[in-house]
Structures are given as C-alpha cells and as structure tokens.
C-alpha atoms as a PDB file:
ATOM      1  CA  MET A   1      99.865  53.932  82.689  1.00  0.00           C
ATOM      2  CA  SER A   2      98.793  53.204  79.894  1.00  0.00           C
ATOM      3  CA  ALA A   3      97.640  55.339  76.862  1.00  0.00           C
ATOM      4  CA  THR A   4      93.626  54.594  77.051  1.00  0.00           C
ATOM      5  CA  ALA A   5      93.859  54.641  80.914  1.00  0.00           C
ATOM      6  CA  ALA A   6      95.517  58.000  80.545  1.00  0.00           C
ATOM      7  CA  ILE A   7      92.819  59.350  78.114  1.00  0.00           C
ATOM      8  CA  GLU A   8      90.251  57.900  80.208  1.00  0.00           C
ATOM      9  CA  ALA A   9      91.785  59.802  83.597  1.00  0.00           C
ATOM     10  CA  ALA A  10      91.802  63.179  81.212  1.00  0.00           C
ATOM     11  CA  ARG A  11      88.260  62.616  80.342  1.00  0.00           C
ATOM     12  CA  LYS A  12      87.227  62.054  83.304  1.00  0.00           C
ATOM     13  CA  ASP A  13      88.361  64.568  85.737  1.00  0.00           C
ATOM     14  CA  GLY A  14      88.880  67.013  83.079  1.00  0.00           C
ATOM     15  CA  GLY A  15      92.594  67.557  82.992  1.00  0.00           C
ATOM     16  CA  PRO A  16      94.721  70.184  83.609  1.00  0.00           C
ATOM     17  CA  VAL A  17      93.839  71.738  79.610  1.00  0.00           C
ATOM     18  CA  ARG A  18      90.020  71.166  79.837  1.00  0.00           C
ATOM     19  CA  ARG A  19      89.806  72.778  83.608  1.00  0.00           C
ATOM     20  CA  HIS A  20      91.900  76.089  82.312  1.00  0.00           C
ATOM     21  CA  ALA A  21      89.578  76.000  79.182  1.00  0.00           C
ATOM     22  CA  GLN A  22      86.308  75.574  81.440  1.00  0.00           C
ATOM     23  CA  PHE A  23      87.459  78.272  83.970  1.00  0.00           C
ATOM     24  CA  THR A  24      88.711  80.389  81.002  1.00  0.00           C
ATOM     25  CA  SER A  25      85.138  80.325  79.856  1.00  0.00           C
ATOM     26  CA  LEU A  26      83.698  80.949  83.134  1.00  0.00           C
ATOM     27  CA  PHE A  27      85.664  84.002  83.531  1.00  0.00           C
ATOM     28  CA  LEU A  28      84.630  85.573  79.952  1.00  0.00           C
ATOM     29  CA  MET A  29      80.871  84.765  80.188  1.00  0.00           C
ATOM     30  CA  VAL A  30      80.848  86.312  83.511  1.00  0.00           C
ATOM     31  CA  LEU A  31      82.805  89.491  82.929  1.00  0.00           C
ATOM     32  CA  GLY A  32      80.152  89.609  79.682  1.00  0.00           C
ATOM     33  CA  VAL A  33      77.588  89.746  81.759  1.00  0.00           C
ATOM     34  CA  LEU A  34      78.684  91.873  84.250  1.00  0.00           C
ATOM     35  CA  GLY A  35      79.411  94.522  81.666  1.00  0.00           C
ATOM     36  CA  LEU A  36      75.065  94.385  81.077  1.00  0.00           C
ATOM     37  CA  ILE A  37      74.335  94.621  84.562  1.00  0.00           C
ATOM     38  CA  PRO A  38      73.233  98.478  86.293  1.00  0.00           C
ATOM     39  CA  GLY A  39      74.764  99.244  88.902  1.00  0.00           C
ATOM     40  CA  ILE A  40      77.530  97.052  88.540  1.00  0.00           C
ATOM     41  CA  THR A  41      78.305  98.810  85.326  1.00  0.00           C
ATOM     42  CA  THR A  42      78.505 103.072  86.481  1.00  0.00           C
ATOM     43  CA  ASN A  43      76.950 105.238  83.624  1.00  0.00           C
ATOM     44  CA  TYR A  44      74.204 102.818  82.742  1.00  0.00           C
ATOM     45  CA  ASP A  45      72.112 105.166  81.021  1.00  0.00           C
ATOM     46  CA  GLU A  46      75.172 105.978  78.584  1.00  0.00           C
ATOM     47  CA  MET A  47      75.441 102.241  77.590  1.00  0.00           C
ATOM     48  CA  GLY A  48      75.417 102.168  73.401  1.00  0.00           C
ATOM     49  CA  LEU A  49      75.736  99.744  71.323  1.00  0.00           C
ATOM     50  CA  PHE A  50      79.267 100.492  69.872  1.00  0.00           C
ATOM     51  CA  ARG A  51      80.388 103.737  71.898  1.00  0.00           C
ATOM     52  CA  SER A  52      79.489 104.121  75.263  1.00  0.00           C
ATOM     53  CA  GLY A  53      79.822 106.276  78.522  1.00  0.00           C
ATOM     54  CA  ALA A  54      78.861 103.115  80.498  1.00  0.00           C
ATOM     55  CA  GLU A  55      81.791 101.437  82.862  1.00  0.00           C
ATOM     56  CA  LEU A  56      82.218  98.111  84.547  1.00  0.00           C
ATOM     57  CA  PHE A  57      83.128  99.152  88.322  1.00  0.00           C
ATOM     58  CA  GLY A  58      83.556 102.414  87.079  1.00  0.00           C
ATOM     59  CA  VAL A  59      86.963 101.621  85.308  1.00  0.00           C
ATOM     60  CA  PHE A  60      86.697  99.853  82.309  1.00  0.00           C
ATOM     61  CA  THR A  61      84.337 101.199  79.359  1.00  0.00           C
ATOM     62  CA  VAL A  62      81.984  98.329  78.302  1.00  0.00           C
ATOM     63  CA  CYS A  63      79.556  98.702  75.488  1.00  0.00           C
ATOM     64  CA  VAL A  64      77.020  95.888  74.110  1.00  0.00           C
ATOM     65  CA  LEU A  65      79.132  94.736  71.744  1.00  0.00           C
ATOM     66  CA  THR A  66      82.192  94.413  74.022  1.00  0.00           C
ATOM     67  CA  SER A  67      80.100  92.622  76.746  1.00  0.00           C
ATOM     68  CA  VAL A  68      78.276  90.590  73.764  1.00  0.00           C
ATOM     69  CA  LEU A  69      81.648  89.241  72.412  1.00  0.00           C
ATOM     70  CA  LEU A  70      83.293  88.229  76.013  1.00  0.00           C
ATOM     71  CA  PHE A  71      79.833  86.292  76.223  1.00  0.00           C
ATOM     72  CA  LEU A  72      80.671  84.671  73.308  1.00  0.00           C
ATOM     73  CA  TYR A  73      84.220  84.158  73.758  1.00  0.00           C
ATOM     74  CA  GLY A  74      83.134  82.176  77.172  1.00  0.00           C
ATOM     75  CA  ILE A  75      80.729  80.034  75.597  1.00  0.00           C
ATOM     76  CA  THR A  76      82.946  78.899  72.254  1.00  0.00           C
ATOM     77  CA  VAL A  77      85.373  78.373  74.224  1.00  0.00           C
ATOM     78  CA  LEU A  78      83.416  75.872  76.569  1.00  0.00           C
ATOM     79  CA  VAL A  79      82.286  74.502  73.216  1.00  0.00           C
ATOM     80  CA  PHE A  80      85.094  73.171  72.642  1.00  0.00           C
ATOM     81  CA  SER A  81      86.378  71.990  75.886  1.00  0.00           C
ATOM     82  CA  GLY A  82      84.976  68.717  75.095  1.00  0.00           C
ATOM     83  CA  SER A  83      88.402  67.504  74.107  1.00  0.00           C
ATOM     84  CA  VAL A  84      91.881  68.254  75.143  1.00  0.00           C
ATOM     85  CA  ARG A  85      93.200  69.413  71.503  1.00  0.00           C
ATOM     86  CA  GLN A  86      90.036  71.405  71.040  1.00  0.00           C
ATOM     87  CA  ALA A  87      90.138  73.380  74.643  1.00  0.00           C
ATOM     88  CA  HIS A  88      93.824  74.079  74.188  1.00  0.00           C
ATOM     89  CA  LYS A  89      93.035  75.173  70.678  1.00  0.00           C
ATOM     90  CA  SER A  90      90.544  77.461  71.594  1.00  0.00           C
ATOM     91  CA  VAL A  91      92.188  79.139  75.015  1.00  0.00           C
ATOM     92  CA  VAL A  92      95.211  80.096  72.496  1.00  0.00           C
ATOM     93  CA  LEU A  93      92.359  81.321  69.723  1.00  0.00           C
ATOM     94  CA  HIS A  94      90.013  83.453  71.961  1.00  0.00           C
ATOM     95  CA  ALA A  95      93.356  84.776  74.017  1.00  0.00           C
ATOM     96  CA  LEU A  96      94.726  85.917  70.873  1.00  0.00           C
ATOM     97  CA  LEU A  97      91.942  87.550  69.968  1.00  0.00           C
ATOM     98  CA  LEU A  98      91.874  89.660  73.327  1.00  0.00           C
ATOM     99  CA  ILE A  99      95.425  90.441  72.895  1.00  0.00           C
ATOM    100  CA  GLY A 100      94.227  91.925  69.167  1.00  0.00           C
ATOM    101  CA  MET A 101      91.537  93.803  70.942  1.00  0.00           C
ATOM    102  CA  GLY A 102      93.848  95.456  73.427  1.00  0.00           C
ATOM    103  CA  ILE A 103      96.566  96.317  70.513  1.00  0.00           C
ATOM    104  CA  VAL A 104      94.214  97.347  68.224  1.00  0.00           C
ATOM    105  CA  GLY A 105      92.160  99.211  70.646  1.00  0.00           C
ATOM    106  CA  ALA A 106      95.819 100.876  72.036  1.00  0.00           C
ATOM    107  CA  GLY A 107      97.122 102.455  68.795  1.00  0.00           C
ATOM    108  CA  LEU A 108      95.397 101.664  65.597  1.00  0.00           C
ATOM    109  CA  VAL A 109      91.554 103.123  66.146  1.00  0.00           C
ATOM    110  CA  VAL A 110      91.938 105.476  69.050  1.00  0.00           C
ATOM    111  CA  ASN A 111      90.752 108.446  66.841  1.00  0.00           C
ATOM    112  CA  SER A 112      89.142 106.584  64.381  1.00  0.00           C
ATOM    113  CA  PRO A 113      85.402 107.482  63.646  1.00  0.00           C
ATOM    114  CA  HIS A 114      84.741 104.317  62.814  1.00  0.00           C
ATOM    115  CA  ARG A 115      85.852 102.466  66.059  1.00  0.00           C
ATOM    116  CA  LEU A 116      83.238  99.421  67.113  1.00  0.00           C
ATOM    117  CA  LEU A 117      84.634  98.548  70.745  1.00  0.00           C
ATOM    118  CA  PRO A 118      85.850 101.800  73.182  1.00  0.00           C
ATOM    119  CA  THR A 119      89.304 102.065  73.827  1.00  0.00           C
ATOM    120  CA  ASP A 120      90.291 103.785  76.558  1.00  0.00           C
ATOM    121  CA  PRO A 121      93.315 102.475  77.822  1.00  0.00           C
ATOM    122  CA  GLN A 122      92.498 100.736  80.938  1.00  0.00           C
ATOM    123  CA  SER A 123      89.864  98.246  78.698  1.00  0.00           C
ATOM    124  CA  ASN A 124      92.794  97.810  76.367  1.00  0.00           C
ATOM    125  CA  TRP A 125      95.332  97.265  79.004  1.00  0.00           C
ATOM    126  CA  LEU A 126      92.486  94.287  80.485  1.00  0.00           C
ATOM    127  CA  TYR A 127      92.357  92.737  77.063  1.00  0.00           C
ATOM    128  CA  LEU A 128      95.947  92.509  76.968  1.00  0.00           C
ATOM    129  CA  ALA A 129      96.086  91.278  80.518  1.00  0.00           C
ATOM    130  CA  LEU A 130      93.306  88.835  80.261  1.00  0.00           C
ATOM    131  CA  GLY A 131      94.706  87.677  76.629  1.00  0.00           C
ATOM    132  CA  VAL A 132      98.526  87.035  77.953  1.00  0.00           C
ATOM    133  CA  PHE A 133      97.215  85.534  81.345  1.00  0.00           C
ATOM    134  CA  PHE A 134      94.798  82.546  79.350  1.00  0.00           C
ATOM    135  CA  LEU A 135      97.393  82.017  76.827  1.00  0.00           C
ATOM    136  CA  VAL A 136     100.458  81.377  79.793  1.00  0.00           C
ATOM    137  CA  GLY A 137      97.814  79.445  81.605  1.00  0.00           C
ATOM    138  CA  ALA A 138      96.692  77.494  78.161  1.00  0.00           C
ATOM    139  CA  ASN A 139     100.093  76.160  77.579  1.00  0.00           C
ATOM    140  CA  ARG A 140     101.224  75.482  81.651  1.00  0.00           C
ATOM    141  CA  SER A 141      97.913  73.434  81.419  1.00  0.00           C
ATOM    142  CA  ARG A 142      99.426  71.491  78.049  1.00  0.00           C
ATOM    143  CA  ALA A 143     102.851  71.212  79.804  1.00  0.00           C
ATOM    144  CA  LYS A 144     100.987  69.777  82.481  1.00  0.00           C
ATOM    145  CA  GLU A 145      98.309  67.375  80.697  1.00  0.00           C
ATOM    146  CA  ILE A 146     101.666  65.830  78.619  1.00  0.00           C
ATOM    147  CA  LYS A 147     103.580  65.126  82.165  1.00  0.00           C
ATOM    148  CA  ASP A 148     100.517  64.041  84.145  1.00  0.00           C
ATOM    149  CA  ASN A 149      98.620  62.058  81.290  1.00  0.00           C
ATOM    150  CA  GLY A 150     101.311  61.772  78.706  1.00  0.00           C
ATOM    151  CA  ILE A 151      98.856  62.826  76.035  1.00  0.00           C
ATOM    152  CA  PHE A 152      98.119  65.812  74.209  1.00  0.00           C
END
C-alpha cells in the first residue's frame, strides 16, 4: 500500500490511534457527566466545588471540579483526534495527567487543607488505573497503526 493510500485509509476509517482517542474521549466525557447526575452520584446534596461527600456509584468521591475536569479532558482529546499524531499525543498527555492526579491524591496532599480534589483511595486508584489503561492503549494502537498503515 502506498503512503498516500495508507494515509487516506487511516483518515477514512479513523485508524487504531484515532479510534482509541475517540473511545478515551467518550469514556472521560461520560464519566464526567455521570459525576453530576443525582442518583448515579450518591449523597448528591453534599456535592461541593472542591470538597465533597458525594460519591459516584457510591464508591468514588467526586466533586464539581473533578467531574468538569474529566469532561474537559474528554473534549480536549476529541478535539485533537483529527490527526493520528495529535490523537496519540493528546491521549498520552491526558493519561499522564490522570496518573498524576492519582499519585498526588495518594500521597502528596491527603492531609493538606489546600487540596483541590477529593483524595480518597478509591478515586486515586481509579485515576491511576484509567491513566495506565489509556497510556497502554495509546501505545498499542500506535504500534498497530504503524504495522497496518505504515504511518505515524
């Protein structure tokens, strides 16, 4: 397959990298929206901008800021999924941000009165797991893109 044909095929069907970016985007946007829906989020009346007693699915502590951040992460990944390289870079960046949120929440600011995000262990593990999952997926889809289409 010529380089031009490979690029056109990747544009037409999205290619593995762009499909992974779109999945990541959709997942983050849905997670962000779910965090703001009463019923799915328990103790919704305790929802605060930074600190909160509200829990997504009764497990993960959420606040308005975390829900908005996750939604904006999803929007940003979607906006940058137009090209293969931008899609990959965007997913990697946001995966690293999620990993950073998990690490910071787990150890650095748990007892700080100035923390901005809820730092319960379940949410920290969720951020770490999502970050690693998206990072591994981004790199696997990149390898598949190179193998299938010879482009990146």
